[in-house]
């Protein structure tokens, strides 16, 4: 996977400039459909699970794949709604406005419980659109900003 060039970012850069995805699935979606989508879309960092227009949780790609590789998971979950995984994994969400500075988003991500630190973040745009950004992308952007600041 290649990463975007963040060399243009400044300390004032906000989440709205980062690459993000809009993969949302209704809570009733069968887990096997999510498995297929994740398999066929390697750049998607995870999914937002929604109930109507509300995100009830997020599950990152790595956490999802890791859980599905556990004994019996591949037999138990594919025929069940993804909402069950939201409950089992306690799939919380970190939802931030698109105007949030990248440095603040990185700090918020790192202040989550250890098991959730690298889960994707939900970005809310002024028009109500919700997109998912990989926490790794946020952290890489933050490191680039810090590196530029230190070189001054």
N, C-alpha and C. Protein backbone atom coordinates (compact mmCIF):
# COMPACT_ATOMS: atom_id res chain seq x y z
N UNK A 1 0.84 -1.18 0.00
CA UNK A 1 0.00 0.00 0.00
C UNK A 1 0.89 1.24 0.00
N UNK A 2 0.61 2.15 -0.89
CA UNK A 2 1.35 3.41 -0.88
C UNK A 2 0.55 4.46 -0.13
N UNK A 3 1.25 5.37 0.49
CA UNK A 3 0.59 6.38 1.29
C UNK A 3 0.59 7.73 0.57
N UNK A 4 -0.41 8.54 0.84
CA UNK A 4 -0.47 9.85 0.21
C UNK A 4 0.69 10.73 0.65
N UNK A 5 0.96 11.73 -0.17
CA UNK A 5 1.99 12.71 0.17
C UNK A 5 1.35 13.78 1.05
N UNK A 6 1.85 13.90 2.25
CA UNK A 6 1.31 14.88 3.20
C UNK A 6 2.24 16.08 3.38
N UNK A 7 3.23 16.22 2.51
CA UNK A 7 4.22 17.27 2.68
C UNK A 7 3.63 18.68 2.62
N UNK A 8 2.47 18.85 2.06
CA UNK A 8 1.83 20.16 1.95
C UNK A 8 1.08 20.57 3.22
N UNK A 9 0.92 19.66 4.16
CA UNK A 9 0.11 19.93 5.35
C UNK A 9 0.82 20.88 6.31
N UNK A 10 0.01 21.67 6.98
CA UNK A 10 0.50 22.60 8.00
C UNK A 10 -0.15 22.21 9.33
N UNK A 11 0.32 22.78 10.45
CA UNK A 11 -0.31 22.46 11.74
C UNK A 11 -1.81 22.79 11.79
N UNK A 12 -2.26 23.66 10.93
CA UNK A 12 -3.69 24.03 10.91
C UNK A 12 -4.52 23.09 10.04
N UNK A 13 -3.90 22.12 9.36
CA UNK A 13 -4.62 21.21 8.46
C UNK A 13 -5.69 20.45 9.22
N UNK A 14 -6.82 20.26 8.57
CA UNK A 14 -7.96 19.60 9.19
C UNK A 14 -8.27 18.26 8.52
N UNK A 15 -9.12 17.49 9.16
CA UNK A 15 -9.45 16.15 8.68
C UNK A 15 -10.03 16.13 7.28
N UNK A 16 -10.66 17.21 6.86
CA UNK A 16 -11.31 17.21 5.55
C UNK A 16 -10.34 17.08 4.38
N UNK A 17 -9.04 17.21 4.61
CA UNK A 17 -8.05 17.08 3.53
C UNK A 17 -7.50 15.65 3.40
N UNK A 18 -7.87 14.79 4.30
CA UNK A 18 -7.35 13.42 4.29
C UNK A 18 -8.22 12.50 3.43
N UNK A 19 -7.61 11.49 2.82
CA UNK A 19 -8.41 10.54 2.05
C UNK A 19 -9.32 9.76 3.00
N UNK A 20 -10.57 9.64 2.61
CA UNK A 20 -11.55 8.97 3.47
C UNK A 20 -12.49 8.13 2.60
N UNK A 21 -13.19 7.24 3.25
CA UNK A 21 -14.07 6.29 2.56
C UNK A 21 -15.49 6.41 3.11
N UNK A 22 -16.45 5.99 2.31
CA UNK A 22 -17.83 6.11 2.77
C UNK A 22 -18.53 4.76 2.88
N UNK A 23 -17.77 3.72 3.24
CA UNK A 23 -18.37 2.40 3.36
C UNK A 23 -19.22 2.31 4.63
N UNK A 24 -20.52 2.34 4.41
CA UNK A 24 -21.50 2.22 5.51
C UNK A 24 -22.35 0.99 5.24
N UNK A 25 -22.66 0.28 6.30
CA UNK A 25 -23.54 -0.87 6.15
C UNK A 25 -24.64 -0.80 7.20
N UNK A 26 -25.87 -1.05 6.79
CA UNK A 26 -26.96 -1.12 7.76
C UNK A 26 -26.69 -2.25 8.76
N UNK A 27 -27.13 -2.06 9.98
CA UNK A 27 -26.88 -3.03 11.05
C UNK A 27 -27.40 -4.42 10.71
N UNK A 28 -28.41 -4.51 9.86
CA UNK A 28 -29.01 -5.80 9.51
C UNK A 28 -28.27 -6.53 8.39
N UNK A 29 -27.24 -5.90 7.81
CA UNK A 29 -26.48 -6.52 6.72
C UNK A 29 -25.82 -7.80 7.21
N UNK A 30 -25.91 -8.84 6.40
CA UNK A 30 -25.27 -10.09 6.78
C UNK A 30 -23.75 -9.93 6.75
N UNK A 31 -23.09 -10.50 7.72
CA UNK A 31 -21.65 -10.37 7.86
C UNK A 31 -20.92 -10.91 6.63
N UNK A 32 -21.46 -11.92 5.97
CA UNK A 32 -20.79 -12.46 4.78
C UNK A 32 -20.70 -11.42 3.67
N UNK A 33 -21.70 -10.52 3.57
CA UNK A 33 -21.64 -9.45 2.57
C UNK A 33 -20.51 -8.48 2.90
N UNK A 34 -20.33 -8.20 4.17
CA UNK A 34 -19.24 -7.32 4.60
C UNK A 34 -17.90 -8.00 4.33
N UNK A 35 -17.80 -9.28 4.62
CA UNK A 35 -16.57 -10.03 4.38
C UNK A 35 -16.18 -9.93 2.90
N UNK A 36 -17.14 -10.10 2.02
CA UNK A 36 -16.89 -10.05 0.58
C UNK A 36 -16.43 -8.66 0.15
N UNK A 37 -17.09 -7.63 0.68
CA UNK A 37 -16.72 -6.26 0.32
C UNK A 37 -15.30 -5.93 0.79
N UNK A 38 -14.99 -6.28 2.01
CA UNK A 38 -13.66 -6.03 2.57
C UNK A 38 -12.60 -6.76 1.76
N UNK A 39 -12.90 -7.99 1.39
CA UNK A 39 -11.96 -8.79 0.60
C UNK A 39 -11.68 -8.13 -0.76
N UNK A 40 -12.71 -7.58 -1.38
CA UNK A 40 -12.59 -7.02 -2.73
C UNK A 40 -12.17 -5.55 -2.76
N UNK A 41 -12.06 -4.91 -1.62
CA UNK A 41 -11.71 -3.49 -1.54
C UNK A 41 -10.60 -3.29 -0.51
N UNK A 42 -9.37 -3.61 -0.88
CA UNK A 42 -8.26 -3.60 0.09
C UNK A 42 -7.91 -2.23 0.65
N UNK A 43 -8.34 -1.15 0.04
CA UNK A 43 -8.01 0.18 0.56
C UNK A 43 -9.00 0.69 1.60
N UNK A 44 -10.12 0.01 1.74
CA UNK A 44 -11.13 0.43 2.71
C UNK A 44 -10.64 0.08 4.12
N UNK A 45 -10.56 1.09 5.02
CA UNK A 45 -10.00 0.83 6.35
C UNK A 45 -10.94 0.12 7.32
N UNK A 46 -12.18 -0.06 6.93
CA UNK A 46 -13.16 -0.69 7.80
C UNK A 46 -14.55 -0.27 7.38
N UNK A 47 -15.47 -0.31 8.33
CA UNK A 47 -16.84 0.02 8.00
C UNK A 47 -17.51 0.81 9.11
N UNK A 48 -18.49 1.60 8.69
CA UNK A 48 -19.38 2.26 9.64
C UNK A 48 -20.66 1.44 9.63
N UNK A 49 -21.11 1.05 10.80
CA UNK A 49 -22.36 0.32 10.90
C UNK A 49 -23.42 1.33 11.30
N UNK A 50 -24.48 1.40 10.51
CA UNK A 50 -25.49 2.43 10.71
C UNK A 50 -26.85 1.85 11.02
N UNK A 51 -27.59 2.64 11.79
CA UNK A 51 -29.01 2.40 12.04
C UNK A 51 -29.70 3.65 11.55
N UNK A 52 -30.27 3.58 10.35
CA UNK A 52 -30.81 4.78 9.71
C UNK A 52 -29.65 5.67 9.32
N UNK A 53 -29.66 6.92 9.80
CA UNK A 53 -28.58 7.86 9.50
C UNK A 53 -27.54 7.94 10.62
N UNK A 54 -27.69 7.12 11.64
CA UNK A 54 -26.81 7.18 12.80
C UNK A 54 -25.78 6.07 12.78
N UNK A 55 -24.51 6.44 12.95
CA UNK A 55 -23.45 5.43 13.06
C UNK A 55 -23.50 4.86 14.46
N UNK A 56 -23.71 3.56 14.56
CA UNK A 56 -23.78 2.92 15.88
C UNK A 56 -22.43 2.31 16.28
N UNK A 57 -21.52 2.23 15.33
CA UNK A 57 -20.20 1.71 15.63
C UNK A 57 -19.34 1.63 14.39
N UNK A 58 -18.05 1.48 14.59
CA UNK A 58 -17.13 1.26 13.49
C UNK A 58 -16.29 0.04 13.81
N UNK A 59 -15.93 -0.67 12.76
CA UNK A 59 -15.03 -1.81 12.92
C UNK A 59 -13.95 -1.66 11.86
N UNK A 60 -12.72 -1.60 12.31
CA UNK A 60 -11.60 -1.49 11.39
C UNK A 60 -11.32 -2.81 10.70
N UNK A 61 -10.72 -2.71 9.53
CA UNK A 61 -10.40 -3.88 8.71
C UNK A 61 -9.62 -4.92 9.50
N UNK A 62 -8.53 -4.51 10.15
CA UNK A 62 -7.68 -5.48 10.84
C UNK A 62 -8.41 -6.14 12.00
N UNK A 63 -9.17 -5.37 12.73
CA UNK A 63 -9.92 -5.94 13.86
C UNK A 63 -10.97 -6.92 13.35
N UNK A 64 -11.65 -6.54 12.26
CA UNK A 64 -12.66 -7.40 11.65
C UNK A 64 -12.03 -8.71 11.17
N UNK A 65 -10.95 -8.59 10.38
CA UNK A 65 -10.32 -9.79 9.84
C UNK A 65 -9.76 -10.68 10.95
N UNK A 66 -9.17 -10.07 11.96
CA UNK A 66 -8.62 -10.83 13.08
C UNK A 66 -9.72 -11.61 13.80
N UNK A 67 -10.83 -10.95 14.03
CA UNK A 67 -11.93 -11.62 14.73
C UNK A 67 -12.51 -12.75 13.87
N UNK A 68 -12.62 -12.51 12.58
CA UNK A 68 -13.21 -13.53 11.71
C UNK A 68 -12.29 -14.74 11.53
N UNK A 69 -11.00 -14.61 11.85
CA UNK A 69 -10.07 -15.73 11.75
C UNK A 69 -10.04 -16.59 13.01
N UNK A 70 -10.73 -16.14 14.05
CA UNK A 70 -10.75 -16.92 15.28
C UNK A 70 -11.57 -18.19 15.08
N UNK A 71 -11.27 -19.17 15.91
CA UNK A 71 -11.96 -20.45 15.84
C UNK A 71 -13.48 -20.23 15.91
N UNK A 72 -14.18 -20.83 15.00
CA UNK A 72 -15.65 -20.83 14.89
C UNK A 72 -16.25 -19.53 14.36
N UNK A 73 -15.50 -18.44 14.33
CA UNK A 73 -16.08 -17.18 13.84
C UNK A 73 -16.57 -17.30 12.42
N UNK A 74 -15.80 -17.99 11.57
CA UNK A 74 -16.20 -18.12 10.17
C UNK A 74 -17.45 -18.97 10.01
N UNK A 75 -17.83 -19.70 11.05
CA UNK A 75 -19.05 -20.50 11.00
C UNK A 75 -20.22 -19.77 11.67
N UNK A 76 -19.92 -18.99 12.68
CA UNK A 76 -20.97 -18.34 13.47
C UNK A 76 -21.50 -17.07 12.82
N UNK A 77 -20.63 -16.19 12.36
CA UNK A 77 -21.03 -14.83 11.99
C UNK A 77 -21.52 -14.60 10.56
N UNK A 78 -21.00 -15.28 9.54
CA UNK A 78 -21.39 -14.92 8.17
C UNK A 78 -22.89 -14.88 7.90
N UNK A 79 -23.66 -15.73 8.53
CA UNK A 79 -25.11 -15.77 8.29
C UNK A 79 -25.89 -14.87 9.24
N UNK A 80 -25.18 -14.11 10.05
CA UNK A 80 -25.83 -13.24 11.03
C UNK A 80 -25.59 -11.78 10.67
N UNK A 81 -26.43 -10.90 11.19
CA UNK A 81 -26.25 -9.46 10.92
C UNK A 81 -24.96 -8.93 11.53
N UNK A 82 -24.37 -7.96 10.87
CA UNK A 82 -23.12 -7.34 11.33
C UNK A 82 -23.31 -6.67 12.70
N UNK A 83 -24.53 -6.34 13.04
CA UNK A 83 -24.81 -5.72 14.34
C UNK A 83 -24.34 -6.61 15.49
N UNK A 84 -24.36 -7.90 15.30
CA UNK A 84 -23.89 -8.81 16.35
C UNK A 84 -22.41 -8.56 16.63
N UNK A 85 -21.63 -8.33 15.58
CA UNK A 85 -20.21 -8.03 15.79
C UNK A 85 -20.02 -6.69 16.47
N UNK A 86 -20.89 -5.74 16.19
CA UNK A 86 -20.82 -4.44 16.87
C UNK A 86 -20.92 -4.67 18.38
N UNK A 87 -21.84 -5.53 18.76
CA UNK A 87 -22.05 -5.82 20.18
C UNK A 87 -20.90 -6.64 20.77
N UNK A 88 -20.47 -7.67 20.06
CA UNK A 88 -19.41 -8.55 20.55
C UNK A 88 -18.08 -7.80 20.68
N UNK A 89 -17.77 -6.98 19.66
CA UNK A 89 -16.50 -6.25 19.67
C UNK A 89 -16.57 -4.92 20.40
N UNK A 90 -17.76 -4.61 20.91
CA UNK A 90 -17.95 -3.31 21.57
C UNK A 90 -17.41 -2.21 20.65
N UNK A 91 -17.93 -2.22 19.42
CA UNK A 91 -17.45 -1.35 18.34
C UNK A 91 -17.91 0.09 18.53
N UNK A 92 -17.17 0.80 19.34
CA UNK A 92 -17.47 2.21 19.57
C UNK A 92 -17.03 3.01 18.35
N UNK A 93 -17.31 4.29 18.39
CA UNK A 93 -16.88 5.15 17.29
C UNK A 93 -16.26 6.42 17.85
N UNK A 94 -15.34 6.96 17.09
CA UNK A 94 -14.81 8.28 17.37
C UNK A 94 -15.24 9.12 16.18
N UNK A 95 -16.21 10.00 16.41
CA UNK A 95 -16.76 10.84 15.34
C UNK A 95 -16.37 12.28 15.60
N UNK A 96 -15.71 12.88 14.62
CA UNK A 96 -15.21 14.24 14.75
C UNK A 96 -15.66 15.09 13.56
N UNK A 97 -15.86 16.38 13.76
CA UNK A 97 -16.17 17.26 12.64
C UNK A 97 -15.00 17.31 11.65
N UNK A 98 -15.31 17.51 10.38
CA UNK A 98 -14.27 17.59 9.36
C UNK A 98 -13.34 18.76 9.58
N UNK A 99 -13.77 19.73 10.37
CA UNK A 99 -12.95 20.91 10.67
C UNK A 99 -11.96 20.68 11.82
N UNK A 100 -11.93 19.48 12.36
CA UNK A 100 -11.00 19.15 13.45
C UNK A 100 -9.58 19.12 12.90
N UNK A 101 -8.67 19.79 13.60
CA UNK A 101 -7.27 19.75 13.18
C UNK A 101 -6.75 18.32 13.27
N UNK A 102 -5.90 17.95 12.34
CA UNK A 102 -5.32 16.61 12.32
C UNK A 102 -4.59 16.33 13.62
N UNK A 103 -3.87 17.31 14.14
CA UNK A 103 -3.13 17.10 15.39
C UNK A 103 -4.08 16.78 16.54
N UNK A 104 -5.25 17.39 16.57
CA UNK A 104 -6.23 17.12 17.62
C UNK A 104 -6.89 15.75 17.42
N UNK A 105 -7.13 15.38 16.18
CA UNK A 105 -7.73 14.08 15.88
C UNK A 105 -6.76 12.95 16.27
N UNK A 106 -5.48 13.15 15.98
CA UNK A 106 -4.48 12.14 16.34
C UNK A 106 -4.45 11.93 17.86
N UNK A 107 -4.49 13.02 18.59
CA UNK A 107 -4.50 12.93 20.05
C UNK A 107 -5.76 12.23 20.55
N UNK A 108 -6.91 12.57 19.98
CA UNK A 108 -8.16 11.93 20.38
C UNK A 108 -8.12 10.43 20.09
N UNK A 109 -7.56 10.06 18.96
CA UNK A 109 -7.46 8.64 18.60
C UNK A 109 -6.58 7.89 19.60
N UNK A 110 -5.47 8.51 19.98
CA UNK A 110 -4.53 7.86 20.89
C UNK A 110 -5.03 7.81 22.33
N UNK A 111 -6.05 8.60 22.64
CA UNK A 111 -6.60 8.60 24.00
C UNK A 111 -7.71 7.56 24.18
N UNK A 112 -8.02 6.84 23.13
CA UNK A 112 -9.03 5.77 23.24
C UNK A 112 -8.44 4.58 23.97
N UNK A 113 -9.29 3.66 24.44
CA UNK A 113 -8.77 2.43 25.05
C UNK A 113 -7.82 1.72 24.08
N UNK A 114 -6.82 1.07 24.62
CA UNK A 114 -5.77 0.43 23.82
C UNK A 114 -6.31 -0.42 22.67
N UNK A 115 -7.35 -1.18 22.90
CA UNK A 115 -7.90 -2.05 21.86
C UNK A 115 -8.51 -1.28 20.70
N UNK A 116 -8.82 0.00 20.91
CA UNK A 116 -9.49 0.80 19.88
C UNK A 116 -8.60 1.87 19.26
N UNK A 117 -7.36 1.99 19.72
CA UNK A 117 -6.48 3.08 19.29
C UNK A 117 -6.38 3.17 17.77
N UNK A 118 -6.25 2.05 17.09
CA UNK A 118 -6.03 2.09 15.65
C UNK A 118 -7.31 1.88 14.83
N UNK A 119 -8.44 1.96 15.48
CA UNK A 119 -9.70 1.86 14.74
C UNK A 119 -9.90 3.14 13.91
N UNK A 120 -10.60 3.04 12.79
CA UNK A 120 -10.83 4.23 11.96
C UNK A 120 -11.65 5.29 12.69
N UNK A 121 -11.56 6.51 12.18
CA UNK A 121 -12.33 7.64 12.74
C UNK A 121 -13.44 8.00 11.76
N UNK A 122 -14.56 8.43 12.30
CA UNK A 122 -15.67 8.92 11.47
C UNK A 122 -15.53 10.43 11.38
N UNK A 123 -15.54 10.92 10.16
CA UNK A 123 -15.48 12.37 9.92
C UNK A 123 -16.85 12.83 9.49
N UNK A 124 -17.37 13.85 10.18
CA UNK A 124 -18.67 14.42 9.83
C UNK A 124 -18.47 15.75 9.12
N UNK A 125 -18.97 15.84 7.89
CA UNK A 125 -18.85 17.05 7.09
C UNK A 125 -20.06 17.96 7.34
N UNK A 126 -19.92 19.25 7.05
CA UNK A 126 -21.01 20.20 7.31
C UNK A 126 -22.35 19.83 6.66
N UNK A 127 -22.29 19.14 5.52
CA UNK A 127 -23.53 18.75 4.85
C UNK A 127 -24.14 17.48 5.42
N UNK A 128 -23.53 16.93 6.49
CA UNK A 128 -24.06 15.74 7.14
C UNK A 128 -23.42 14.45 6.64
N UNK A 129 -22.62 14.54 5.59
CA UNK A 129 -21.96 13.36 5.04
C UNK A 129 -20.98 12.80 6.08
N UNK A 130 -20.95 11.49 6.18
CA UNK A 130 -20.03 10.80 7.09
C UNK A 130 -19.06 9.97 6.27
N UNK A 131 -17.78 10.09 6.62
CA UNK A 131 -16.75 9.31 5.93
C UNK A 131 -15.81 8.72 6.97
N UNK A 132 -15.14 7.67 6.57
CA UNK A 132 -14.26 6.94 7.47
C UNK A 132 -12.81 7.16 7.04
N UNK A 133 -11.98 7.54 8.01
CA UNK A 133 -10.55 7.73 7.71
C UNK A 133 -9.76 6.75 8.56
N UNK A 134 -8.77 6.15 7.93
CA UNK A 134 -7.90 5.20 8.59
C UNK A 134 -7.09 5.93 9.65
N UNK A 135 -7.02 5.41 10.85
CA UNK A 135 -6.25 6.03 11.92
C UNK A 135 -4.78 6.12 11.53
N UNK A 136 -4.28 5.15 10.80
CA UNK A 136 -2.90 5.19 10.35
C UNK A 136 -2.65 6.41 9.47
N UNK A 137 -3.60 6.76 8.63
CA UNK A 137 -3.48 7.94 7.77
C UNK A 137 -3.42 9.21 8.63
N UNK A 138 -4.27 9.27 9.65
CA UNK A 138 -4.25 10.43 10.56
C UNK A 138 -2.89 10.54 11.24
N UNK A 139 -2.38 9.43 11.72
CA UNK A 139 -1.09 9.45 12.41
C UNK A 139 0.07 9.78 11.48
N UNK A 140 0.03 9.25 10.27
CA UNK A 140 1.08 9.59 9.30
C UNK A 140 1.05 11.08 8.94
N UNK A 141 -0.15 11.62 8.78
CA UNK A 141 -0.27 13.05 8.51
C UNK A 141 0.27 13.85 9.69
N UNK A 142 -0.04 13.43 10.89
CA UNK A 142 0.44 14.12 12.10
C UNK A 142 1.96 14.08 12.19
N UNK A 143 2.56 12.95 11.90
CA UNK A 143 4.02 12.83 11.94
C UNK A 143 4.65 13.74 10.90
N UNK A 144 4.06 13.82 9.73
CA UNK A 144 4.59 14.70 8.68
C UNK A 144 4.53 16.16 9.14
N UNK A 145 3.42 16.53 9.74
CA UNK A 145 3.27 17.92 10.25
C UNK A 145 4.33 18.18 11.32
N UNK A 146 4.50 17.25 12.23
CA UNK A 146 5.48 17.41 13.30
C UNK A 146 6.90 17.50 12.74
N UNK A 147 7.20 16.64 11.79
CA UNK A 147 8.53 16.66 11.19
C UNK A 147 8.83 18.00 10.53
N UNK A 148 7.85 18.54 9.81
CA UNK A 148 8.04 19.86 9.18
C UNK A 148 8.25 20.95 10.24
N UNK A 149 7.50 20.88 11.32
CA UNK A 149 7.62 21.87 12.39
C UNK A 149 9.01 21.79 13.03
N UNK A 150 9.51 20.60 13.24
CA UNK A 150 10.82 20.42 13.87
C UNK A 150 11.97 20.88 12.99
N UNK A 151 11.75 20.88 11.69
CA UNK A 151 12.80 21.31 10.75
C UNK A 151 12.90 22.83 10.63
N UNK A 152 11.94 23.54 11.15
CA UNK A 152 11.94 25.01 11.04
C UNK A 152 12.97 25.63 11.94
